[in-house]
Amino acid sequence: MPTAKDLISELTEDHRRIDGLCQLIQSTPWGDPRRKRAVGSITAELARHAEAESRFLYPAVRRRVPGGRDLAADGLAEHVRIGHCLTDLAEHEPDDAQFDLLVTRLVFEAHEHAAAQERELFPHLAAAAGAGELPALAESLRAARRPAALGRGVQQPEPGPMERSLSGGRALTPYGAAVRG
């Protein structure tokens, strides 16, 4: 029987997937067209992760953590910075020097976002959350991410700042479907 995970472990797993995608793009040679596809994969994973944080993490932080409103606002500002970087990347080709600079910026921003959460935000939330709250949020997150749940009358949340930034203002699905890649 699988061990029940909580919201923090689910989001930490997202961070590791994003780290792996960042390593992939960094290890692909300059100018290689696979780098553009890797950016599409990173974009989709970051949009999926940002939606999870916007819908499940930040509301819990606002409710439970002292100073949580400011902490959530900081996290959402990081989403916007990452979203701008991804939008800029979509406008460049892998053989463009600007593409490399943007990849470096993206990797830095994504790493800093994950590190700050794992070092500061997650421990504060873990200490402040009620018994059973984080596992229940994880189950809600997993249910929202199940492909079968999409399109069966499950109400989709309004797009957050990163999703709007990535989509040029168009509505995004939780999986980044409107993202250019």
N, C-alpha and C. Protein backbone atom coordinates (compact mmCIF):
# COMPACT_ATOMS: atom_id res chain seq x y z
N MET A 1 0.84 -1.18 0.00
CA MET A 1 0.00 0.00 0.00
C MET A 1 0.89 1.24 0.00
N PRO A 2 0.62 2.23 -0.91
CA PRO A 2 1.47 3.40 -0.98
C PRO A 2 1.33 4.26 0.29
N THR A 3 2.42 4.93 0.62
CA THR A 3 2.42 5.83 1.77
C THR A 3 1.71 7.12 1.38
N ALA A 4 0.88 7.61 2.25
CA ALA A 4 0.18 8.87 2.00
C ALA A 4 1.19 10.01 2.01
N LYS A 5 1.08 10.89 1.02
CA LYS A 5 1.96 12.05 0.94
C LYS A 5 1.17 13.28 1.34
N ASP A 6 1.90 14.27 1.76
CA ASP A 6 1.24 15.53 2.06
C ASP A 6 1.55 16.54 0.95
N LEU A 7 0.94 17.71 1.05
CA LEU A 7 1.10 18.73 0.03
C LEU A 7 2.56 19.11 -0.16
N ILE A 8 3.29 19.23 0.92
CA ILE A 8 4.69 19.64 0.84
C ILE A 8 5.51 18.61 0.05
N SER A 9 5.30 17.32 0.30
CA SER A 9 6.07 16.32 -0.44
C SER A 9 5.66 16.30 -1.92
N GLU A 10 4.39 16.54 -2.22
CA GLU A 10 3.95 16.61 -3.62
C GLU A 10 4.65 17.76 -4.35
N LEU A 11 4.68 18.92 -3.71
CA LEU A 11 5.31 20.09 -4.35
C LEU A 11 6.82 19.93 -4.42
N THR A 12 7.42 19.27 -3.43
CA THR A 12 8.86 19.01 -3.48
C THR A 12 9.20 18.08 -4.64
N GLU A 13 8.34 17.09 -4.89
CA GLU A 13 8.54 16.23 -6.06
C GLU A 13 8.46 17.04 -7.35
N ASP A 14 7.53 17.99 -7.41
CA ASP A 14 7.47 18.89 -8.57
C ASP A 14 8.81 19.60 -8.75
N HIS A 15 9.35 20.11 -7.65
CA HIS A 15 10.64 20.82 -7.72
C HIS A 15 11.72 19.92 -8.31
N ARG A 16 11.76 18.66 -7.91
CA ARG A 16 12.78 17.75 -8.44
C ARG A 16 12.57 17.51 -9.94
N ARG A 17 11.31 17.39 -10.38
CA ARG A 17 11.04 17.22 -11.82
C ARG A 17 11.51 18.45 -12.59
N ILE A 18 11.23 19.62 -12.06
CA ILE A 18 11.65 20.86 -12.71
C ILE A 18 13.17 20.95 -12.74
N ASP A 19 13.83 20.57 -11.64
CA ASP A 19 15.31 20.53 -11.63
C ASP A 19 15.84 19.63 -12.74
N GLY A 20 15.22 18.46 -12.90
CA GLY A 20 15.65 17.53 -13.94
C GLY A 20 15.49 18.11 -15.33
N LEU A 21 14.39 18.81 -15.57
CA LEU A 21 14.18 19.45 -16.88
C LEU A 21 15.18 20.58 -17.10
N CYS A 22 15.50 21.31 -16.04
CA CYS A 22 16.52 22.37 -16.16
C CYS A 22 17.88 21.75 -16.49
N GLN A 23 18.22 20.64 -15.86
CA GLN A 23 19.49 19.96 -16.17
C GLN A 23 19.50 19.48 -17.62
N LEU A 24 18.37 18.98 -18.09
CA LEU A 24 18.28 18.51 -19.47
C LEU A 24 18.55 19.63 -20.45
N ILE A 25 17.92 20.77 -20.27
CA ILE A 25 18.13 21.86 -21.21
C ILE A 25 19.56 22.40 -21.12
N GLN A 26 20.13 22.41 -19.92
CA GLN A 26 21.50 22.89 -19.78
C GLN A 26 22.51 21.93 -20.41
N SER A 27 22.19 20.65 -20.46
CA SER A 27 23.13 19.67 -21.01
C SER A 27 22.97 19.47 -22.51
N THR A 28 21.92 20.05 -23.10
CA THR A 28 21.72 19.93 -24.54
C THR A 28 22.56 21.00 -25.23
N PRO A 29 23.29 20.63 -26.29
CA PRO A 29 24.21 21.58 -26.93
C PRO A 29 23.52 22.85 -27.45
N TRP A 30 24.27 23.93 -27.41
CA TRP A 30 23.82 25.22 -27.90
C TRP A 30 23.37 25.06 -29.35
N GLY A 31 22.24 25.66 -29.69
CA GLY A 31 21.73 25.63 -31.05
C GLY A 31 20.91 24.39 -31.39
N ASP A 32 20.93 23.38 -30.55
CA ASP A 32 20.20 22.14 -30.82
C ASP A 32 18.69 22.41 -30.71
N PRO A 33 17.91 22.03 -31.72
CA PRO A 33 16.46 22.28 -31.68
C PRO A 33 15.75 21.58 -30.52
N ARG A 34 16.36 20.55 -29.95
CA ARG A 34 15.75 19.88 -28.79
C ARG A 34 15.63 20.83 -27.59
N ARG A 35 16.45 21.87 -27.58
CA ARG A 35 16.38 22.83 -26.48
C ARG A 35 15.03 23.55 -26.47
N LYS A 36 14.51 23.84 -27.66
CA LYS A 36 13.21 24.50 -27.76
C LYS A 36 12.10 23.58 -27.21
N ARG A 37 12.19 22.29 -27.55
CA ARG A 37 11.21 21.33 -27.03
C ARG A 37 11.35 21.21 -25.51
N ALA A 38 12.58 21.26 -25.02
CA ALA A 38 12.79 21.18 -23.57
C ALA A 38 12.16 22.39 -22.88
N VAL A 39 12.23 23.56 -23.51
CA VAL A 39 11.58 24.74 -22.94
C VAL A 39 10.07 24.52 -22.89
N GLY A 40 9.51 23.89 -23.91
CA GLY A 40 8.08 23.58 -23.89
C GLY A 40 7.73 22.66 -22.73
N SER A 41 8.58 21.66 -22.46
CA SER A 41 8.35 20.75 -21.33
C SER A 41 8.46 21.48 -20.00
N ILE A 42 9.46 22.33 -19.86
CA ILE A 42 9.63 23.11 -18.63
C ILE A 42 8.44 24.04 -18.44
N THR A 43 8.00 24.67 -19.52
CA THR A 43 6.86 25.58 -19.44
C THR A 43 5.63 24.85 -18.94
N ALA A 44 5.35 23.69 -19.50
CA ALA A 44 4.17 22.93 -19.07
C ALA A 44 4.28 22.52 -17.60
N GLU A 45 5.45 22.04 -17.19
CA GLU A 45 5.63 21.61 -15.80
C GLU A 45 5.54 22.79 -14.84
N LEU A 46 6.13 23.92 -15.21
CA LEU A 46 6.06 25.10 -14.34
C LEU A 46 4.63 25.63 -14.25
N ALA A 47 3.89 25.61 -15.35
CA ALA A 47 2.49 26.06 -15.31
C ALA A 47 1.67 25.14 -14.41
N ARG A 48 1.90 23.85 -14.52
CA ARG A 48 1.20 22.85 -13.68
C ARG A 48 1.52 23.08 -12.20
N HIS A 49 2.80 23.33 -11.93
CA HIS A 49 3.25 23.55 -10.56
C HIS A 49 2.70 24.88 -10.01
N ALA A 50 2.76 25.92 -10.81
CA ALA A 50 2.26 27.23 -10.37
C ALA A 50 0.77 27.17 -10.07
N GLU A 51 0.04 26.44 -10.87
CA GLU A 51 -1.40 26.29 -10.63
C GLU A 51 -1.62 25.58 -9.30
N ALA A 52 -0.84 24.55 -9.02
CA ALA A 52 -0.97 23.82 -7.75
C ALA A 52 -0.67 24.73 -6.56
N GLU A 53 0.39 25.52 -6.69
CA GLU A 53 0.72 26.43 -5.59
C GLU A 53 -0.36 27.48 -5.41
N SER A 54 -0.84 28.04 -6.51
CA SER A 54 -1.87 29.09 -6.43
C SER A 54 -3.16 28.56 -5.84
N ARG A 55 -3.51 27.35 -6.17
CA ARG A 55 -4.79 26.78 -5.76
C ARG A 55 -4.75 26.13 -4.37
N PHE A 56 -3.61 25.54 -3.99
CA PHE A 56 -3.56 24.77 -2.75
C PHE A 56 -2.56 25.31 -1.72
N LEU A 57 -1.34 25.64 -2.15
CA LEU A 57 -0.32 26.07 -1.20
C LEU A 57 -0.59 27.46 -0.63
N TYR A 58 -0.71 28.45 -1.50
CA TYR A 58 -0.80 29.82 -1.02
C TYR A 58 -2.06 30.10 -0.19
N PRO A 59 -3.21 29.54 -0.52
CA PRO A 59 -4.35 29.74 0.38
C PRO A 59 -4.09 29.17 1.79
N ALA A 60 -3.44 28.01 1.86
CA ALA A 60 -3.11 27.43 3.18
C ALA A 60 -2.10 28.30 3.91
N VAL A 61 -1.12 28.82 3.20
CA VAL A 61 -0.12 29.71 3.82
C VAL A 61 -0.80 30.96 4.36
N ARG A 62 -1.69 31.55 3.57
CA ARG A 62 -2.40 32.75 4.04
C ARG A 62 -3.22 32.47 5.30
N ARG A 63 -3.87 31.29 5.35
CA ARG A 63 -4.72 30.94 6.49
C ARG A 63 -3.93 30.60 7.73
N ARG A 64 -2.81 29.90 7.58
CA ARG A 64 -2.16 29.27 8.73
C ARG A 64 -0.86 29.92 9.22
N VAL A 65 -0.08 30.48 8.31
CA VAL A 65 1.27 30.93 8.67
C VAL A 65 1.24 32.41 9.04
N PRO A 66 1.82 32.77 10.19
CA PRO A 66 1.94 34.20 10.52
C PRO A 66 2.71 34.92 9.41
N GLY A 67 2.16 36.02 8.94
CA GLY A 67 2.77 36.74 7.83
C GLY A 67 2.56 36.04 6.49
N GLY A 68 1.63 35.10 6.48
CA GLY A 68 1.40 34.29 5.28
C GLY A 68 0.94 35.06 4.08
N ARG A 69 0.21 36.15 4.29
CA ARG A 69 -0.25 36.94 3.16
C ARG A 69 0.95 37.49 2.37
N ASP A 70 1.94 37.99 3.08
CA ASP A 70 3.15 38.52 2.43
C ASP A 70 3.97 37.40 1.79
N LEU A 71 4.07 36.27 2.48
CA LEU A 71 4.83 35.13 1.92
C LEU A 71 4.19 34.64 0.63
N ALA A 72 2.87 34.56 0.61
CA ALA A 72 2.16 34.12 -0.59
C ALA A 72 2.36 35.14 -1.72
N ALA A 73 2.29 36.42 -1.38
CA ALA A 73 2.50 37.47 -2.40
C ALA A 73 3.91 37.37 -2.99
N ASP A 74 4.90 37.09 -2.15
CA ASP A 74 6.27 36.93 -2.65
C ASP A 74 6.36 35.74 -3.60
N GLY A 75 5.74 34.63 -3.25
CA GLY A 75 5.75 33.46 -4.11
C GLY A 75 5.08 33.73 -5.45
N LEU A 76 3.97 34.43 -5.41
CA LEU A 76 3.27 34.77 -6.66
C LEU A 76 4.10 35.72 -7.51
N ALA A 77 4.84 36.63 -6.87
CA ALA A 77 5.73 37.52 -7.63
C ALA A 77 6.83 36.71 -8.32
N GLU A 78 7.31 35.67 -7.66
CA GLU A 78 8.30 34.78 -8.29
C GLU A 78 7.68 34.09 -9.50
N HIS A 79 6.42 33.67 -9.40
CA HIS A 79 5.73 33.06 -10.55
C HIS A 79 5.71 34.02 -11.73
N VAL A 80 5.44 35.29 -11.46
CA VAL A 80 5.39 36.28 -12.53
C VAL A 80 6.75 36.43 -13.19
N ARG A 81 7.83 36.50 -12.39
CA ARG A 81 9.18 36.61 -12.96
C ARG A 81 9.51 35.40 -13.84
N ILE A 82 9.18 34.21 -13.35
CA ILE A 82 9.43 33.00 -14.13
C ILE A 82 8.58 33.01 -15.40
N GLY A 83 7.34 33.44 -15.28
CA GLY A 83 6.47 33.52 -16.45
C GLY A 83 6.99 34.47 -17.51
N HIS A 84 7.51 35.60 -17.09
CA HIS A 84 8.09 36.56 -18.05
C HIS A 84 9.29 35.94 -18.75
N CYS A 85 10.09 35.24 -18.00
CA CYS A 85 11.27 34.58 -18.59
C CYS A 85 10.83 33.55 -19.64
N LEU A 86 9.81 32.76 -19.32
CA LEU A 86 9.32 31.76 -20.27
C LEU A 86 8.73 32.41 -21.52
N THR A 87 8.02 33.51 -21.33
CA THR A 87 7.46 34.23 -22.48
C THR A 87 8.58 34.74 -23.37
N ASP A 88 9.63 35.29 -22.77
CA ASP A 88 10.77 35.76 -23.54
C ASP A 88 11.45 34.60 -24.26
N LEU A 89 11.61 33.47 -23.59
CA LEU A 89 12.24 32.30 -24.21
C LEU A 89 11.47 31.83 -25.44
N ALA A 90 10.15 31.88 -25.38
CA ALA A 90 9.32 31.42 -26.50
C ALA A 90 9.55 32.26 -27.76
N GLU A 91 10.09 33.45 -27.59
CA GLU A 91 10.31 34.35 -28.73
C GLU A 91 11.70 34.21 -29.34
N HIS A 92 12.53 33.31 -28.80
CA HIS A 92 13.89 33.15 -29.31
C HIS A 92 14.13 31.71 -29.74
N GLU A 93 15.08 31.56 -30.63
CA GLU A 93 15.47 30.22 -31.12
C GLU A 93 16.71 29.75 -30.37
N PRO A 94 16.92 28.42 -30.32
CA PRO A 94 18.04 27.86 -29.56
C PRO A 94 19.43 28.31 -30.04
N ASP A 95 19.54 28.78 -31.27
CA ASP A 95 20.85 29.23 -31.75
C ASP A 95 21.06 30.73 -31.54
N ASP A 96 20.16 31.35 -30.82
CA ASP A 96 20.23 32.77 -30.48
C ASP A 96 20.93 32.90 -29.12
N ALA A 97 21.93 33.79 -29.03
CA ALA A 97 22.65 33.97 -27.77
C ALA A 97 21.70 34.38 -26.64
N GLN A 98 20.66 35.13 -26.96
CA GLN A 98 19.69 35.54 -25.95
C GLN A 98 18.99 34.34 -25.33
N PHE A 99 18.78 33.29 -26.12
CA PHE A 99 18.15 32.06 -25.63
C PHE A 99 18.95 31.50 -24.47
N ASP A 100 20.29 31.43 -24.63
CA ASP A 100 21.14 30.91 -23.55
C ASP A 100 21.05 31.76 -22.29
N LEU A 101 21.05 33.07 -22.46
CA LEU A 101 20.95 33.96 -21.30
C LEU A 101 19.62 33.76 -20.58
N LEU A 102 18.55 33.59 -21.35
CA LEU A 102 17.24 33.39 -20.76
C LEU A 102 17.14 32.03 -20.06
N VAL A 103 17.76 31.01 -20.64
CA VAL A 103 17.78 29.69 -19.99
C VAL A 103 18.49 29.80 -18.65
N THR A 104 19.61 30.50 -18.63
CA THR A 104 20.36 30.68 -17.38
C THR A 104 19.50 31.39 -16.35
N ARG A 105 18.80 32.43 -16.78
CA ARG A 105 17.92 33.18 -15.87
C ARG A 105 16.78 32.29 -15.37
N LEU A 106 16.17 31.51 -16.26
CA LEU A 106 15.08 30.62 -15.88
C LEU A 106 15.53 29.60 -14.84
N VAL A 107 16.67 28.99 -15.09
CA VAL A 107 17.19 27.98 -14.16
C VAL A 107 17.44 28.62 -12.79
N PHE A 108 18.03 29.80 -12.79
CA PHE A 108 18.29 30.51 -11.53
C PHE A 108 16.99 30.81 -10.79
N GLU A 109 16.01 31.40 -11.50
CA GLU A 109 14.73 31.77 -10.87
C GLU A 109 14.01 30.55 -10.33
N ALA A 110 13.97 29.48 -11.11
CA ALA A 110 13.27 28.26 -10.67
C ALA A 110 13.97 27.66 -9.45
N HIS A 111 15.29 27.64 -9.48
CA HIS A 111 16.05 27.08 -8.35
C HIS A 111 15.83 27.92 -7.08
N GLU A 112 15.90 29.23 -7.22
CA GLU A 112 15.73 30.10 -6.06
C GLU A 112 14.33 29.98 -5.48
N HIS A 113 13.33 29.88 -6.34
CA HIS A 113 11.95 29.72 -5.89
C HIS A 113 11.81 28.44 -5.07
N ALA A 114 12.29 27.33 -5.61
CA ALA A 114 12.18 26.05 -4.92
C ALA A 114 12.98 26.05 -3.62
N ALA A 115 14.19 26.58 -3.66
CA ALA A 115 15.04 26.59 -2.46
C ALA A 115 14.41 27.41 -1.35
N ALA A 116 13.85 28.57 -1.67
CA ALA A 116 13.22 29.42 -0.66
C ALA A 116 12.01 28.71 -0.04
N GLN A 117 11.23 28.05 -0.87
CA GLN A 117 10.08 27.33 -0.34
C GLN A 117 10.52 26.20 0.59
N GLU A 118 11.48 25.41 0.13
CA GLU A 118 11.90 24.25 0.91
C GLU A 118 12.63 24.65 2.19
N ARG A 119 13.33 25.77 2.15
CA ARG A 119 14.10 26.23 3.30
C ARG A 119 13.23 26.98 4.31
N GLU A 120 12.26 27.78 3.83
CA GLU A 120 11.52 28.66 4.72
C GLU A 120 10.02 28.40 4.75
N LEU A 121 9.39 28.45 3.60
CA LEU A 121 7.93 28.40 3.56
C LEU A 121 7.37 27.05 4.01
N PHE A 122 7.90 25.96 3.45
CA PHE A 122 7.38 24.64 3.80
C PHE A 122 7.50 24.33 5.29
N PRO A 123 8.65 24.60 5.93
CA PRO A 123 8.72 24.32 7.38
C PRO A 123 7.72 25.15 8.19
N HIS A 124 7.51 26.41 7.82
CA HIS A 124 6.53 27.24 8.53
C HIS A 124 5.12 26.68 8.37
N LEU A 125 4.80 26.26 7.15
CA LEU A 125 3.47 25.70 6.93
C LEU A 125 3.30 24.38 7.66
N ALA A 126 4.32 23.54 7.62
CA ALA A 126 4.23 22.25 8.31
C ALA A 126 3.98 22.44 9.81
N ALA A 127 4.63 23.45 10.40
CA ALA A 127 4.46 23.70 11.83
C ALA A 127 3.09 24.30 12.15
N ALA A 128 2.52 25.04 11.21
CA ALA A 128 1.27 25.75 11.49
C ALA A 128 0.01 25.01 11.05
N ALA A 129 0.14 24.06 10.15
CA ALA A 129 -1.04 23.38 9.60
C ALA A 129 -1.71 22.50 10.63
N GLY A 130 -3.01 22.39 10.50
CA GLY A 130 -3.77 21.52 11.38
C GLY A 130 -3.53 20.06 11.04
N ALA A 131 -3.82 19.19 12.00
CA ALA A 131 -3.64 17.75 11.80
C ALA A 131 -4.46 17.29 10.60
N GLY A 132 -3.81 16.61 9.71
CA GLY A 132 -4.49 16.07 8.54
C GLY A 132 -4.71 17.05 7.41
N GLU A 133 -4.42 18.32 7.62
CA GLU A 133 -4.68 19.33 6.59
C GLU A 133 -3.79 19.14 5.35
N LEU A 134 -2.49 18.92 5.56
CA LEU A 134 -1.58 18.80 4.41
C LEU A 134 -1.82 17.51 3.61
N PRO A 135 -2.09 16.37 4.25
CA PRO A 135 -2.46 15.20 3.45
C PRO A 135 -3.77 15.40 2.68
N ALA A 136 -4.73 16.08 3.29
CA ALA A 136 -6.00 16.34 2.59
C ALA A 136 -5.79 17.26 1.40
N LEU A 137 -4.93 18.26 1.55
CA LEU A 137 -4.62 19.15 0.42
C LEU A 137 -3.90 18.38 -0.68
N ALA A 138 -3.03 17.46 -0.30
CA ALA A 138 -2.34 16.64 -1.30
C ALA A 138 -3.33 15.79 -2.08
N GLU A 139 -4.30 15.23 -1.40
CA GLU A 139 -5.31 14.42 -2.10
C GLU A 139 -6.12 15.29 -3.05
N SER A 140 -6.47 16.49 -2.63
CA SER A 140 -7.19 17.42 -3.51
C SER A 140 -6.35 17.78 -4.72
N LEU A 141 -5.05 17.99 -4.51
CA LEU A 141 -4.15 18.29 -5.62
C LEU A 141 -4.08 17.12 -6.59
N ARG A 142 -3.90 15.92 -6.07
CA ARG A 142 -3.83 14.74 -6.96
C ARG A 142 -5.13 14.57 -7.73
N ALA A 143 -6.26 14.79 -7.07
CA ALA A 143 -7.55 14.67 -7.76
C ALA A 143 -7.67 15.71 -8.87
N ALA A 144 -7.22 16.92 -8.60
CA ALA A 144 -7.29 17.98 -9.61
C ALA A 144 -6.37 17.70 -10.80
N ARG A 145 -5.29 16.97 -10.55
CA ARG A 145 -4.33 16.67 -11.62
C ARG A 145 -4.70 15.43 -12.43
N ARG A 146 -5.67 14.66 -11.97
CA ARG A 146 -6.05 13.45 -12.72
C ARG A 146 -6.69 13.87 -14.03
N PRO A 147 -6.19 13.36 -15.15
CA PRO A 147 -6.76 13.74 -16.45
C PRO A 147 -8.26 13.48 -16.54
N ALA A 148 -8.75 12.41 -15.92
CA ALA A 148 -10.18 12.09 -15.99
C ALA A 148 -11.02 13.17 -15.32
N ALA A 149 -10.45 13.89 -14.34
CA ALA A 149 -11.22 14.92 -13.65
C ALA A 149 -11.44 16.13 -14.55
N LEU A 150 -10.53 16.35 -15.48
CA LEU A 150 -10.66 17.50 -16.36
C LEU A 150 -11.76 17.22 -17.38
N GLY A 151 -12.60 18.18 -17.57
CA GLY A 151 -13.66 18.02 -18.56
C GLY A 151 -14.90 17.32 -18.04
N ARG A 152 -14.93 16.94 -16.76
CA ARG A 152 -16.11 16.27 -16.21
C ARG A 152 -16.82 17.19 -15.22
N GLY A 153 -16.90 18.44 -15.57
CA GLY A 153 -17.61 19.36 -14.71
C GLY A 153 -16.79 19.83 -13.52
N VAL A 154 -15.51 19.51 -13.49
CA VAL A 154 -14.66 20.01 -12.41
C VAL A 154 -14.38 21.47 -12.71
N GLN A 155 -14.71 22.32 -11.77
CA GLN A 155 -14.52 23.74 -11.98
C GLN A 155 -13.03 24.06 -11.96
N GLN A 156 -12.57 24.72 -13.00
CA GLN A 156 -11.18 25.11 -13.08
C GLN A 156 -11.00 26.47 -12.41
N PRO A 157 -9.90 26.67 -11.69
CA PRO A 157 -9.68 27.95 -11.03
C PRO A 157 -9.34 29.02 -12.06
N GLU A 158 -9.51 30.26 -11.65
CA GLU A 158 -9.08 31.37 -12.50
C GLU A 158 -7.57 31.27 -12.67
N PRO A 159 -7.04 31.63 -13.86
CA PRO A 159 -5.59 31.57 -14.03
C PRO A 159 -4.90 32.55 -13.10
N GLY A 160 -3.75 32.13 -12.56
CA GLY A 160 -2.97 32.99 -11.69
C GLY A 160 -2.05 33.89 -12.50
N PRO A 161 -1.22 34.70 -11.85
CA PRO A 161 -0.36 35.64 -12.56
C PRO A 161 0.59 34.95 -13.54
N MET A 162 1.17 33.81 -13.14
CA MET A 162 2.10 33.13 -14.05
C MET A 162 1.36 32.62 -15.28
N GLU A 163 0.19 32.04 -15.07
CA GLU A 163 -0.56 31.49 -16.18
C GLU A 163 -0.97 32.59 -17.15
N ARG A 164 -1.41 33.75 -16.62
CA ARG A 164 -1.78 34.86 -17.50
C ARG A 164 -0.55 35.37 -18.24
N SER A 165 0.58 35.45 -17.56
CA SER A 165 1.80 35.92 -18.20
C SER A 165 2.23 34.98 -19.31
N LEU A 166 2.17 33.69 -19.05
CA LEU A 166 2.59 32.70 -20.03
C LEU A 166 1.68 32.68 -21.25
N SER A 167 0.43 33.04 -21.06
CA SER A 167 -0.54 32.89 -22.14
C SER A 167 -0.84 34.19 -22.85
N GLY A 168 -0.15 35.26 -22.50
CA GLY A 168 -0.44 36.54 -23.12
C GLY A 168 -1.84 37.02 -22.78
N GLY A 169 -2.36 36.63 -21.63
CA GLY A 169 -3.68 37.04 -21.19
C GLY A 169 -4.78 36.05 -21.49
N ARG A 170 -4.52 35.04 -22.34
CA ARG A 170 -5.54 34.02 -22.65
C ARG A 170 -5.65 33.07 -21.46
N ALA A 171 -6.78 32.43 -21.33
CA ALA A 171 -6.95 31.44 -20.26
C ALA A 171 -6.11 30.21 -20.56
N LEU A 172 -5.51 29.67 -19.54
CA LEU A 172 -4.71 28.45 -19.64
C LEU A 172 -5.42 27.31 -18.94
N THR A 173 -5.20 26.10 -19.43
CA THR A 173 -5.60 24.94 -18.66
C THR A 173 -4.56 24.75 -17.57
N PRO A 174 -4.83 23.93 -16.55
CA PRO A 174 -3.82 23.72 -15.51
C PRO A 174 -2.54 23.10 -16.05
N TYR A 175 -2.58 22.56 -17.24
CA TYR A 175 -1.41 21.90 -17.80
C TYR A 175 -0.70 22.77 -18.84
N GLY A 176 -1.04 24.04 -18.92
CA GLY A 176 -0.32 24.96 -19.79
C GLY A 176 -0.68 24.81 -21.25
N ALA A 177 -1.88 24.36 -21.59
CA ALA A 177 -2.23 24.07 -22.97
C ALA A 177 -2.15 25.27 -23.89
N ALA A 178 -2.34 26.48 -23.38
CA ALA A 178 -2.30 27.65 -24.24
C ALA A 178 -0.89 28.20 -24.40
N VAL A 179 0.07 27.57 -23.78
CA VAL A 179 1.45 28.04 -23.81
C VAL A 179 2.08 27.71 -25.16
N ARG A 180 2.73 28.72 -25.73
CA ARG A 180 3.48 28.46 -26.96
C ARG A 180 4.71 27.66 -26.59
N GLY A 181 5.13 26.75 -27.46
CA GLY A 181 6.29 25.94 -27.08
C GLY A 181 7.10 25.45 -28.18
